[in-house]
Amino acid sequence: NDAVVSQAAGLDVKGYFVTIPGDVPRHAETSHGYDGKGQRPAMPPDYERVRSVLNEADSIRAGDLSRHGNPTVVASKKIGLETYRAVFEVLPGKKNRALALLSLSIKTSK
């Protein structure tokens, strides 16, 4: 799956860490809560699935540039009756290469 993620990222991400920065759960709660259309806020157990959403994604595509100008990767995976959508920022630093979670949204599929 590294090749698919690398293609979406526009650079080789093999060996990159997957991180969940501390402000992401707060962002997900305030921006991706209940929307009346099947979306619910991410709960702590949902963050345990983030690696699976990326590594076993149903679809992976390039996203928009992050606010820092870095590429992003959008991974989606259906788990049970829900579709998880995770957006990762590609951090291609010399020492800390990572795919940092920016956003996690969860919608119930009908």
PDB file of N, CA and C in Angstrom:
ATOM      1  N   ASN A   1       0.821  -1.200   0.000  1.00  0.00           N
ATOM      2  CA  ASN A   1       0.000   0.000   0.000  1.00  0.00           C
ATOM      3  C   ASN A   1       0.863   1.262   0.000  1.00  0.00           C
ATOM      4  N   ASP A   2       2.160   1.122   0.350  1.00  0.00           N
ATOM      5  CA  ASP A   2       3.064   2.276   0.328  1.00  0.00           C
ATOM      6  C   ASP A   2       3.075   2.944  -1.042  1.00  0.00           C
ATOM      7  N   ALA A   3       3.022   2.135  -2.098  1.00  0.00           N
ATOM      8  CA  ALA A   3       3.079   2.689  -3.448  1.00  0.00           C
ATOM      9  C   ALA A   3       1.854   3.546  -3.754  1.00  0.00           C
ATOM     10  N   VAL A   4       0.678   3.104  -3.316  1.00  0.00           N
ATOM     11  CA  VAL A   4      -0.552   3.860  -3.568  1.00  0.00           C
ATOM     12  C   VAL A   4      -0.525   5.177  -2.785  1.00  0.00           C
ATOM     13  N   VAL A   5      -0.117   5.106  -1.520  1.00  0.00           N
ATOM     14  CA  VAL A   5      -0.028   6.318  -0.693  1.00  0.00           C
ATOM     15  C   VAL A   5       1.032   7.251  -1.261  1.00  0.00           C
ATOM     16  N   SER A   6       2.168   6.707  -1.664  1.00  0.00           N
ATOM     17  CA  SER A   6       3.241   7.527  -2.253  1.00  0.00           C
ATOM     18  C   SER A   6       2.777   8.229  -3.517  1.00  0.00           C
ATOM     19  N   GLN A   7       2.027   7.519  -4.351  1.00  0.00           N
ATOM     20  CA  GLN A   7       1.523   8.131  -5.572  1.00  0.00           C
ATOM     21  C   GLN A   7       0.596   9.292  -5.243  1.00  0.00           C
ATOM     22  N   ALA A   8      -0.303   9.107  -4.273  1.00  0.00           N
ATOM     23  CA  ALA A   8      -1.225  10.173  -3.884  1.00  0.00           C
ATOM     24  C   ALA A   8      -0.476  11.341  -3.245  1.00  0.00           C
ATOM     25  N   ALA A   9       0.593  11.031  -2.498  1.00  0.00           N
ATOM     26  CA  ALA A   9       1.370  12.068  -1.810  1.00  0.00           C
ATOM     27  C   ALA A   9       2.300  12.814  -2.763  1.00  0.00           C
ATOM     28  N   GLY A  10       2.628  12.184  -3.870  1.00  0.00           N
ATOM     29  CA  GLY A  10       3.549  12.816  -4.814  1.00  0.00           C
ATOM     30  C   GLY A  10       5.012  12.629  -4.442  1.00  0.00           C
ATOM     31  N   LEU A  11       5.288  11.775  -3.469  1.00  0.00           N
ATOM     32  CA  LEU A  11       6.664  11.441  -3.097  1.00  0.00           C
ATOM     33  C   LEU A  11       6.666  10.126  -2.338  1.00  0.00           C
ATOM     34  N   ASP A  12       7.834   9.492  -2.245  1.00  0.00           N
ATOM     35  CA  ASP A  12       7.956   8.193  -1.598  1.00  0.00           C
ATOM     36  C   ASP A  12       7.785   8.342  -0.090  1.00  0.00           C
ATOM     37  N   VAL A  13       6.754   7.727   0.475  1.00  0.00           N
ATOM     38  CA  VAL A  13       6.494   7.833   1.911  1.00  0.00           C
ATOM     39  C   VAL A  13       6.807   6.526   2.651  1.00  0.00           C
ATOM     40  N   LYS A  14       7.494   5.617   1.999  1.00  0.00           N
ATOM     41  CA  LYS A  14       7.851   4.358   2.660  1.00  0.00           C
ATOM     42  C   LYS A  14       8.684   4.664   3.898  1.00  0.00           C
ATOM     43  N   GLY A  15       8.290   4.073   5.020  1.00  0.00           N
ATOM     44  CA  GLY A  15       9.010   4.273   6.265  1.00  0.00           C
ATOM     45  C   GLY A  15       8.552   5.482   7.073  1.00  0.00           C
ATOM     46  N   TYR A  16       7.593   6.234   6.561  1.00  0.00           N
ATOM     47  CA  TYR A  16       7.076   7.387   7.298  1.00  0.00           C
ATOM     48  C   TYR A  16       6.255   6.906   8.495  1.00  0.00           C
ATOM     49  N   PHE A  17       6.328   7.636   9.590  1.00  0.00           N
ATOM     50  CA  PHE A  17       5.484   7.374  10.749  1.00  0.00           C
ATOM     51  C   PHE A  17       4.072   7.868  10.460  1.00  0.00           C
ATOM     52  N   VAL A  18       3.081   7.275  11.104  1.00  0.00           N
ATOM     53  CA  VAL A  18       1.719   7.789  11.092  1.00  0.00           C
ATOM     54  C   VAL A  18       1.490   8.382  12.478  1.00  0.00           C
ATOM     55  N   THR A  19       1.180   9.678  12.543  1.00  0.00           N
ATOM     56  CA  THR A  19       1.012  10.341  13.830  1.00  0.00           C
ATOM     57  C   THR A  19      -0.380  10.957  13.949  1.00  0.00           C
ATOM     58  N   ILE A  20      -0.792  11.137  15.185  1.00  0.00           N
ATOM     59  CA  ILE A  20      -2.054  11.816  15.482  1.00  0.00           C
ATOM     60  C   ILE A  20      -1.706  12.984  16.408  1.00  0.00           C
ATOM     61  N   PRO A  21      -1.497  14.178  15.848  1.00  0.00           N
ATOM     62  CA  PRO A  21      -1.191  15.335  16.686  1.00  0.00           C
ATOM     63  C   PRO A  21      -2.294  15.595  17.703  1.00  0.00           C
ATOM     64  N   GLY A  22      -1.934  16.143  18.849  1.00  0.00           N
ATOM     65  CA  GLY A  22      -2.853  16.334  19.954  1.00  0.00           C
ATOM     66  C   GLY A  22      -4.062  17.194  19.661  1.00  0.00           C
ATOM     67  N   ASP A  23      -3.975  18.128  18.707  1.00  0.00           N
ATOM     68  CA  ASP A  23      -5.114  19.011  18.432  1.00  0.00           C
ATOM     69  C   ASP A  23      -6.127  18.390  17.471  1.00  0.00           C
ATOM     70  N   VAL A  24      -5.823  17.254  16.875  1.00  0.00           N
ATOM     71  CA  VAL A  24      -6.719  16.640  15.893  1.00  0.00           C
ATOM     72  C   VAL A  24      -8.039  16.175  16.502  1.00  0.00           C
ATOM     73  N   PRO A  25      -8.040  15.481  17.653  1.00  0.00           N
ATOM     74  CA  PRO A  25      -9.343  15.090  18.209  1.00  0.00           C
ATOM     75  C   PRO A  25     -10.256  16.289  18.494  1.00  0.00           C
ATOM     76  N   ARG A  26      -9.702  17.392  18.946  1.00  0.00           N
ATOM     77  CA  ARG A  26     -10.510  18.593  19.200  1.00  0.00           C
ATOM     78  C   ARG A  26     -11.077  19.131  17.887  1.00  0.00           C
ATOM     79  N   HIS A  27     -10.259  19.173  16.845  1.00  0.00           N
ATOM     80  CA  HIS A  27     -10.732  19.619  15.524  1.00  0.00           C
ATOM     81  C   HIS A  27     -11.844  18.696  15.020  1.00  0.00           C
ATOM     82  N   ALA A  28     -11.632  17.392  15.127  1.00  0.00           N
ATOM     83  CA  ALA A  28     -12.633  16.435  14.638  1.00  0.00           C
ATOM     84  C   ALA A  28     -13.941  16.585  15.400  1.00  0.00           C
ATOM     85  N   GLU A  29     -13.855  16.819  16.700  1.00  0.00           N
ATOM     86  CA  GLU A  29     -15.062  16.959  17.509  1.00  0.00           C
ATOM     87  C   GLU A  29     -15.840  18.222  17.143  1.00  0.00           C
ATOM     88  N   THR A  30     -15.140  19.344  16.939  1.00  0.00           N
ATOM     89  CA  THR A  30     -15.832  20.603  16.650  1.00  0.00           C
ATOM     90  C   THR A  30     -16.242  20.718  15.187  1.00  0.00           C
ATOM     91  N   SER A  31     -15.486  20.135  14.279  1.00  0.00           N
ATOM     92  CA  SER A  31     -15.769  20.301  12.850  1.00  0.00           C
ATOM     93  C   SER A  31     -16.504  19.127  12.218  1.00  0.00           C
ATOM     94  N   HIS A  32     -16.416  17.959  12.813  1.00  0.00           N
ATOM     95  CA  HIS A  32     -16.982  16.757  12.182  1.00  0.00           C
ATOM     96  C   HIS A  32     -17.885  15.996  13.147  1.00  0.00           C
ATOM     97  N   GLY A  33     -18.684  16.712  13.902  1.00  0.00           N
ATOM     98  CA  GLY A  33     -19.631  16.083  14.829  1.00  0.00           C
ATOM     99  C   GLY A  33     -20.888  15.674  14.102  1.00  0.00           C
ATOM    100  N   TYR A  34     -21.961  15.548  14.851  1.00  0.00           N
ATOM    101  CA  TYR A  34     -23.247  15.166  14.264  1.00  0.00           C
ATOM    102  C   TYR A  34     -23.693  16.245  13.291  1.00  0.00           C
ATOM    103  N   ASP A  35     -24.044  15.848  12.080  1.00  0.00           N
ATOM    104  CA  ASP A  35     -24.480  16.827  11.072  1.00  0.00           C
ATOM    105  C   ASP A  35     -25.923  16.603  10.630  1.00  0.00           C
ATOM    106  N   GLY A  36     -26.604  15.647  11.237  1.00  0.00           N
ATOM    107  CA  GLY A  36     -27.976  15.358  10.854  1.00  0.00           C
ATOM    108  C   GLY A  36     -28.081  14.538   9.582  1.00  0.00           C
ATOM    109  N   LYS A  37     -26.956  14.190   8.986  1.00  0.00           N
ATOM    110  CA  LYS A  37     -26.943  13.426   7.734  1.00  0.00           C
ATOM    111  C   LYS A  37     -26.121  12.148   7.882  1.00  0.00           C
ATOM    112  N   GLY A  38     -26.070  11.616   9.088  1.00  0.00           N
ATOM    113  CA  GLY A  38     -25.364  10.361   9.306  1.00  0.00           C
ATOM    114  C   GLY A  38     -23.941  10.514   9.801  1.00  0.00           C
ATOM    115  N   GLN A  39     -23.445  11.729   9.936  1.00  0.00           N
ATOM    116  CA  GLN A  39     -22.079  11.917  10.427  1.00  0.00           C
ATOM    117  C   GLN A  39     -22.102  12.002  11.944  1.00  0.00           C
ATOM    118  N   ARG A  40     -21.099  11.386  12.553  1.00  0.00           N
ATOM    119  CA  ARG A  40     -20.963  11.444  14.009  1.00  0.00           C
ATOM    120  C   ARG A  40     -19.533  11.840  14.373  1.00  0.00           C
ATOM    121  N   PRO A  41     -19.331  12.334  15.598  1.00  0.00           N
ATOM    122  CA  PRO A  41     -17.970  12.688  15.999  1.00  0.00           C
ATOM    123  C   PRO A  41     -17.124  11.438  16.227  1.00  0.00           C
ATOM    124  N   ALA A  42     -15.829  11.564  15.997  1.00  0.00           N
ATOM    125  CA  ALA A  42     -14.905  10.467  16.266  1.00  0.00           C
ATOM    126  C   ALA A  42     -14.731  10.322  17.776  1.00  0.00           C
ATOM    127  N   MET A  43     -14.715   9.091  18.231  1.00  0.00           N
ATOM    128  CA  MET A  43     -14.529   8.771  19.643  1.00  0.00           C
ATOM    129  C   MET A  43     -13.140   8.147  19.808  1.00  0.00           C
ATOM    130  N   PRO A  44     -12.625   8.063  21.038  1.00  0.00           N
ATOM    131  CA  PRO A  44     -11.282   7.508  21.222  1.00  0.00           C
ATOM    132  C   PRO A  44     -11.029   6.171  20.508  1.00  0.00           C
ATOM    133  N   PRO A  45     -11.955   5.184  20.534  1.00  0.00           N
ATOM    134  CA  PRO A  45     -11.671   3.930  19.816  1.00  0.00           C
ATOM    135  C   PRO A  45     -11.515   4.120  18.295  1.00  0.00           C
ATOM    136  N   ASP A  46     -12.137   5.166  17.747  1.00  0.00           N
ATOM    137  CA  ASP A  46     -12.018   5.410  16.306  1.00  0.00           C
ATOM    138  C   ASP A  46     -10.579   5.746  15.913  1.00  0.00           C
ATOM    139  N   TYR A  47      -9.868   6.411  16.804  1.00  0.00           N
ATOM    140  CA  TYR A  47      -8.478   6.778  16.497  1.00  0.00           C
ATOM    141  C   TYR A  47      -7.568   5.556  16.448  1.00  0.00           C
ATOM    142  N   GLU A  48      -7.984   4.476  17.113  1.00  0.00           N
ATOM    143  CA  GLU A  48      -7.224   3.230  17.040  1.00  0.00           C
ATOM    144  C   GLU A  48      -7.332   2.608  15.649  1.00  0.00           C
ATOM    145  N   ARG A  49      -8.318   3.020  14.873  1.00  0.00           N
ATOM    146  CA  ARG A  49      -8.532   2.477  13.522  1.00  0.00           C
ATOM    147  C   ARG A  49      -7.827   3.285  12.433  1.00  0.00           C
ATOM    148  N   VAL A  50      -7.218   4.397  12.792  1.00  0.00           N
ATOM    149  CA  VAL A  50      -6.626   5.295  11.793  1.00  0.00           C
ATOM    150  C   VAL A  50      -5.581   4.576  10.932  1.00  0.00           C
ATOM    151  N   ARG A  51      -4.729   3.788  11.541  1.00  0.00           N
ATOM    152  CA  ARG A  51      -3.699   3.069  10.774  1.00  0.00           C
ATOM    153  C   ARG A  51      -4.353   2.112   9.788  1.00  0.00           C
ATOM    154  N   SER A  52      -5.410   1.422  10.208  1.00  0.00           N
ATOM    155  CA  SER A  52      -6.135   0.514   9.321  1.00  0.00           C
ATOM    156  C   SER A  52      -6.798   1.271   8.179  1.00  0.00           C
ATOM    157  N   VAL A  53      -7.364   2.434   8.482  1.00  0.00           N
ATOM    158  CA  VAL A  53      -8.004   3.247   7.433  1.00  0.00           C
ATOM    159  C   VAL A  53      -6.974   3.583   6.357  1.00  0.00           C
ATOM    160  N   LEU A  54      -5.753   3.892   6.755  1.00  0.00           N
ATOM    161  CA  LEU A  54      -4.709   4.226   5.785  1.00  0.00           C
ATOM    162  C   LEU A  54      -4.151   2.974   5.103  1.00  0.00           C
ATOM    163  N   ASN A  55      -3.784   1.970   5.878  1.00  0.00           N
ATOM    164  CA  ASN A  55      -3.115   0.790   5.323  1.00  0.00           C
ATOM    165  C   ASN A  55      -4.039  -0.148   4.556  1.00  0.00           C
ATOM    166  N   GLU A  56      -5.321  -0.136   4.893  1.00  0.00           N
ATOM    167  CA  GLU A  56      -6.274  -1.042   4.242  1.00  0.00           C
ATOM    168  C   GLU A  56      -7.411  -0.246   3.609  1.00  0.00           C
ATOM    169  N   ALA A  57      -7.098   0.929   3.101  1.00  0.00           N
ATOM    170  CA  ALA A  57      -8.108   1.848   2.557  1.00  0.00           C
ATOM    171  C   ALA A  57      -8.844   1.256   1.366  1.00  0.00           C
ATOM    172  N   ASP A  58     -10.119   1.628   1.261  1.00  0.00           N
ATOM    173  CA  ASP A  58     -10.896   1.296   0.072  1.00  0.00           C
ATOM    174  C   ASP A  58     -10.520   2.241  -1.062  1.00  0.00           C
ATOM    175  N   SER A  59     -10.150   3.473  -0.698  1.00  0.00           N
ATOM    176  CA  SER A  59      -9.682   4.434  -1.705  1.00  0.00           C
ATOM    177  C   SER A  59      -8.687   5.388  -1.063  1.00  0.00           C
ATOM    178  N   ILE A  60      -7.721   5.785  -1.867  1.00  0.00           N
ATOM    179  CA  ILE A  60      -6.704   6.765  -1.465  1.00  0.00           C
ATOM    180  C   ILE A  60      -6.546   7.729  -2.615  1.00  0.00           C
ATOM    181  N   ARG A  61      -6.540   9.025  -2.281  1.00  0.00           N
ATOM    182  CA  ARG A  61      -6.350  10.031  -3.328  1.00  0.00           C
ATOM    183  C   ARG A  61      -5.568  11.198  -2.761  1.00  0.00           C
ATOM    184  N   ALA A  62      -5.041  12.002  -3.663  1.00  0.00           N
ATOM    185  CA  ALA A  62      -4.369  13.234  -3.255  1.00  0.00           C
ATOM    186  C   ALA A  62      -5.426  14.228  -2.793  1.00  0.00           C
ATOM    187  N   GLY A  63      -5.116  14.957  -1.745  1.00  0.00           N
ATOM    188  CA  GLY A  63      -6.003  16.007  -1.263  1.00  0.00           C
ATOM    189  C   GLY A  63      -5.444  17.367  -1.643  1.00  0.00           C
ATOM    190  N   ASP A  64      -6.039  18.409  -1.094  1.00  0.00           N
ATOM    191  CA  ASP A  64      -5.541  19.764  -1.310  1.00  0.00           C
ATOM    192  C   ASP A  64      -4.265  19.960  -0.508  1.00  0.00           C
ATOM    193  N   LEU A  65      -3.502  20.998  -0.844  1.00  0.00           N
ATOM    194  CA  LEU A  65      -2.329  21.318  -0.043  1.00  0.00           C
ATOM    195  C   LEU A  65      -2.777  21.733   1.354  1.00  0.00           C
ATOM    196  N   SER A  66      -1.968  21.401   2.358  1.00  0.00           N
ATOM    197  CA  SER A  66      -2.277  21.800   3.731  1.00  0.00           C
ATOM    198  C   SER A  66      -2.054  23.301   3.876  1.00  0.00           C
ATOM    199  N   ARG A  67      -2.455  23.843   5.014  1.00  0.00           N
ATOM    200  CA  ARG A  67      -2.245  25.288   5.229  1.00  0.00           C
ATOM    201  C   ARG A  67      -0.762  25.625   5.306  1.00  0.00           C
ATOM    202  N   HIS A  68       0.083  24.599   5.478  1.00  0.00           N
ATOM    203  CA  HIS A  68       1.534  24.807   5.496  1.00  0.00           C
ATOM    204  C   HIS A  68       2.152  24.561   4.123  1.00  0.00           C
ATOM    205  N   GLY A  69       1.307  24.263   3.127  1.00  0.00           N
ATOM    206  CA  GLY A  69       1.799  24.046   1.772  1.00  0.00           C
ATOM    207  C   GLY A  69       2.280  22.639   1.487  1.00  0.00           C
ATOM    208  N   ASN A  70       2.009  21.711   2.393  1.00  0.00           N
ATOM    209  CA  ASN A  70       2.421  20.320   2.196  1.00  0.00           C
ATOM    210  C   ASN A  70       1.310  19.530   1.509  1.00  0.00           C
ATOM    211  N   PRO A  71       1.685  18.475   0.781  1.00  0.00           N
ATOM    212  CA  PRO A  71       0.664  17.623   0.173  1.00  0.00           C
ATOM    213  C   PRO A  71      -0.162  16.929   1.254  1.00  0.00           C
ATOM    214  N   THR A  72      -1.385  16.564   0.907  1.00  0.00           N
ATOM    215  CA  THR A  72      -2.217  15.762   1.800  1.00  0.00           C
ATOM    216  C   THR A  72      -2.707  14.531   1.054  1.00  0.00           C
ATOM    217  N   VAL A  73      -3.050  13.519   1.829  1.00  0.00           N
ATOM    218  CA  VAL A  73      -3.560  12.264   1.311  1.00  0.00           C
ATOM    219  C   VAL A  73      -4.883  11.996   2.013  1.00  0.00           C
ATOM    220  N   VAL A  74      -5.906  11.623   1.246  1.00  0.00           N
ATOM    221  CA  VAL A  74      -7.232  11.330   1.794  1.00  0.00           C
ATOM    222  C   VAL A  74      -7.473   9.828   1.637  1.00  0.00           C
ATOM    223  N   ALA A  75      -7.692   9.155   2.773  1.00  0.00           N
ATOM    224  CA  ALA A  75      -7.957   7.712   2.774  1.00  0.00           C
ATOM    225  C   ALA A  75      -9.368   7.463   3.286  1.00  0.00           C
ATOM    226  N   SER A  76     -10.089   6.582   2.602  1.00  0.00           N
ATOM    227  CA  SER A  76     -11.445   6.223   3.020  1.00  0.00           C
ATOM    228  C   SER A  76     -11.544   4.713   3.151  1.00  0.00           C
ATOM    229  N   LYS A  77     -12.266   4.282   4.188  1.00  0.00           N
ATOM    230  CA  LYS A  77     -12.460   2.847   4.403  1.00  0.00           C
ATOM    231  C   LYS A  77     -13.809   2.621   5.069  1.00  0.00           C
ATOM    232  N   LYS A  78     -14.553   1.661   4.537  1.00  0.00           N
ATOM    233  CA  LYS A  78     -15.826   1.278   5.141  1.00  0.00           C
ATOM    234  C   LYS A  78     -15.543   0.221   6.201  1.00  0.00           C
ATOM    235  N   ILE A  79     -16.029   0.480   7.408  1.00  0.00           N
ATOM    236  CA  ILE A  79     -15.898  -0.464   8.517  1.00  0.00           C
ATOM    237  C   ILE A  79     -17.307  -0.674   9.059  1.00  0.00           C
ATOM    238  N   GLY A  80     -17.823  -1.868   8.882  1.00  0.00           N
ATOM    239  CA  GLY A  80     -19.210  -2.126   9.278  1.00  0.00           C
ATOM    240  C   GLY A  80     -20.143  -1.275   8.441  1.00  0.00           C
ATOM    241  N   LEU A  81     -21.007  -0.516   9.097  1.00  0.00           N
ATOM    242  CA  LEU A  81     -21.955   0.350   8.397  1.00  0.00           C
ATOM    243  C   LEU A  81     -21.459   1.780   8.295  1.00  0.00           C
ATOM    244  N   GLU A  82     -20.194   2.025   8.646  1.00  0.00           N
ATOM    245  CA  GLU A  82     -19.669   3.388   8.645  1.00  0.00           C
ATOM    246  C   GLU A  82     -18.501   3.540   7.680  1.00  0.00           C
ATOM    247  N   THR A  83     -18.382   4.739   7.123  1.00  0.00           N
ATOM    248  CA  THR A  83     -17.248   5.065   6.265  1.00  0.00           C
ATOM    249  C   THR A  83     -16.376   6.080   6.985  1.00  0.00           C
ATOM    250  N   TYR A  84     -15.126   5.698   7.179  1.00  0.00           N
ATOM    251  CA  TYR A  84     -14.137   6.562   7.809  1.00  0.00           C
ATOM    252  C   TYR A  84     -13.383   7.309   6.709  1.00  0.00           C
ATOM    253  N   ARG A  85     -13.206   8.605   6.901  1.00  0.00           N
ATOM    254  CA  ARG A  85     -12.445   9.426   5.960  1.00  0.00           C
ATOM    255  C   ARG A  85     -11.374  10.149   6.761  1.00  0.00           C
ATOM    256  N   ALA A  86     -10.113   9.822   6.484  1.00  0.00           N
ATOM    257  CA  ALA A  86      -8.988  10.395   7.205  1.00  0.00           C
ATOM    258  C   ALA A  86      -8.120  11.197   6.236  1.00  0.00           C
ATOM    259  N   VAL A  87      -7.769  12.406   6.646  1.00  0.00           N
ATOM    260  CA  VAL A  87      -6.898  13.265   5.844  1.00  0.00           C
ATOM    261  C   VAL A  87      -5.565  13.379   6.575  1.00  0.00           C
ATOM    262  N   PHE A  88      -4.488  13.079   5.860  1.00  0.00           N
ATOM    263  CA  PHE A  88      -3.143  13.116   6.423  1.00  0.00           C
ATOM    264  C   PHE A  88      -2.313  14.178   5.722  1.00  0.00           C
ATOM    265  N   GLU A  89      -1.545  14.931   6.491  1.00  0.00           N
ATOM    266  CA  GLU A  89      -0.572  15.876   5.933  1.00  0.00           C
ATOM    267  C   GLU A  89       0.755  15.146   5.806  1.00  0.00           C
ATOM    268  N   VAL A  90       1.405  15.279   4.657  1.00  0.00           N
ATOM    269  CA  VAL A  90       2.693  14.650   4.419  1.00  0.00           C
ATOM    270  C   VAL A  90       3.774  15.607   4.920  1.00  0.00           C
ATOM    271  N   LEU A  91       4.525  15.158   5.922  1.00  0.00           N
ATOM    272  CA  LEU A  91       5.593  15.972   6.507  1.00  0.00           C
ATOM    273  C   LEU A  91       6.930  15.366   6.084  1.00  0.00           C
ATOM    274  N   PRO A  92       7.538  15.916   5.018  1.00  0.00           N
ATOM    275  CA  PRO A  92       8.740  15.309   4.458  1.00  0.00           C
ATOM    276  C   PRO A  92      10.039  15.854   5.065  1.00  0.00           C
ATOM    277  N   GLY A  93      10.065  16.098   6.373  1.00  0.00           N
ATOM    278  CA  GLY A  93      11.255  16.646   7.026  1.00  0.00           C
ATOM    279  C   GLY A  93      12.447  15.712   6.932  1.00  0.00           C
ATOM    280  N   LYS A  94      13.625  16.260   7.189  1.00  0.00           N
ATOM    281  CA  LYS A  94      14.837  15.442   7.118  1.00  0.00           C
ATOM    282  C   LYS A  94      14.905  14.442   8.267  1.00  0.00           C
ATOM    283  N   LYS A  95      14.421  14.831   9.444  1.00  0.00           N
ATOM    284  CA  LYS A  95      14.496  13.946  10.609  1.00  0.00           C
ATOM    285  C   LYS A  95      13.162  13.299  10.940  1.00  0.00           C
ATOM    286  N   ASN A  96      12.086  14.039  10.851  1.00  0.00           N
ATOM    287  CA  ASN A  96      10.778  13.538  11.251  1.00  0.00           C
ATOM    288  C   ASN A  96       9.848  13.425  10.057  1.00  0.00           C
ATOM    289  N   ARG A  97       9.968  12.353   9.328  1.00  0.00           N
ATOM    290  CA  ARG A  97       9.085  12.122   8.189  1.00  0.00           C
ATOM    291  C   ARG A  97       7.836  11.427   8.694  1.00  0.00           C
ATOM    292  N   ALA A  98       6.691  12.033   8.400  1.00  0.00           N
ATOM    293  CA  ALA A  98       5.459  11.479   8.953  1.00  0.00           C
ATOM    294  C   ALA A  98       4.263  11.781   8.070  1.00  0.00           C
ATOM    295  N   LEU A  99       3.241  10.970   8.245  1.00  0.00           N
ATOM    296  CA  LEU A  99       1.908  11.234   7.727  1.00  0.00           C
ATOM    297  C   LEU A  99       1.104  11.604   8.970  1.00  0.00           C
ATOM    298  N   ALA A 100       0.839  12.900   9.126  1.00  0.00           N
ATOM    299  CA  ALA A 100       0.175  13.402  10.325  1.00  0.00           C
ATOM    300  C   ALA A 100      -1.313  13.566  10.061  1.00  0.00           C
ATOM    301  N   LEU A 101      -2.123  12.918  10.878  1.00  0.00           N
ATOM    302  CA  LEU A 101      -3.571  13.024  10.722  1.00  0.00           C
ATOM    303  C   LEU A 101      -3.994  14.478  10.906  1.00  0.00           C
ATOM    304  N   LEU A 102      -4.755  14.979   9.959  1.00  0.00           N
ATOM    305  CA  LEU A 102      -5.308  16.335  10.042  1.00  0.00           C
ATOM    306  C   LEU A 102      -6.769  16.310  10.431  1.00  0.00           C
ATOM    307  N   SER A 103      -7.494  15.303   9.938  1.00  0.00           N
ATOM    308  CA  SER A 103      -8.942  15.295  10.087  1.00  0.00           C
ATOM    309  C   SER A 103      -9.448  13.866  10.004  1.00  0.00           C
ATOM    310  N   LEU A 104     -10.490  13.581  10.798  1.00  0.00           N
ATOM    311  CA  LEU A 104     -11.151  12.274  10.764  1.00  0.00           C
ATOM    312  C   LEU A 104     -12.654  12.506  10.822  1.00  0.00           C
ATOM    313  N   SER A 105     -13.360  12.006   9.813  1.00  0.00           N
ATOM    314  CA  SER A 105     -14.813  12.088   9.826  1.00  0.00           C
ATOM    315  C   SER A 105     -15.382  10.693   9.616  1.00  0.00           C
ATOM    316  N   ILE A 106     -16.561  10.484  10.190  1.00  0.00           N
ATOM    317  CA  ILE A 106     -17.191   9.159  10.143  1.00  0.00           C
ATOM    318  C   ILE A 106     -18.655   9.354   9.789  1.00  0.00           C
ATOM    319  N   LYS A 107     -19.090   8.674   8.735  1.00  0.00           N
ATOM    320  CA  LYS A 107     -20.488   8.736   8.302  1.00  0.00           C
ATOM    321  C   LYS A 107     -21.077   7.341   8.251  1.00  0.00           C
ATOM    322  N   THR A 108     -22.335   7.251   8.640  1.00  0.00           N
ATOM    323  CA  THR A 108     -23.059   5.988   8.548  1.00  0.00           C
ATOM    324  C   THR A 108     -23.497   5.792   7.105  1.00  0.00           C
ATOM    325  N   SER A 109     -23.210   4.627   6.573  1.00  0.00           N
ATOM    326  CA  SER A 109     -23.628   4.297   5.211  1.00  0.00           C
ATOM    327  C   SER A 109     -25.044   3.754   5.262  1.00  0.00           C
ATOM    328  N   LYS A 110     -25.802   4.049   4.231  1.00  0.00           N
ATOM    329  CA  LYS A 110     -27.178   3.547   4.191  1.00  0.00           C
ATOM    330  C   LYS A 110     -27.341   2.530   3.110  1.00  0.00           C
TER     331      LYS A 110
END
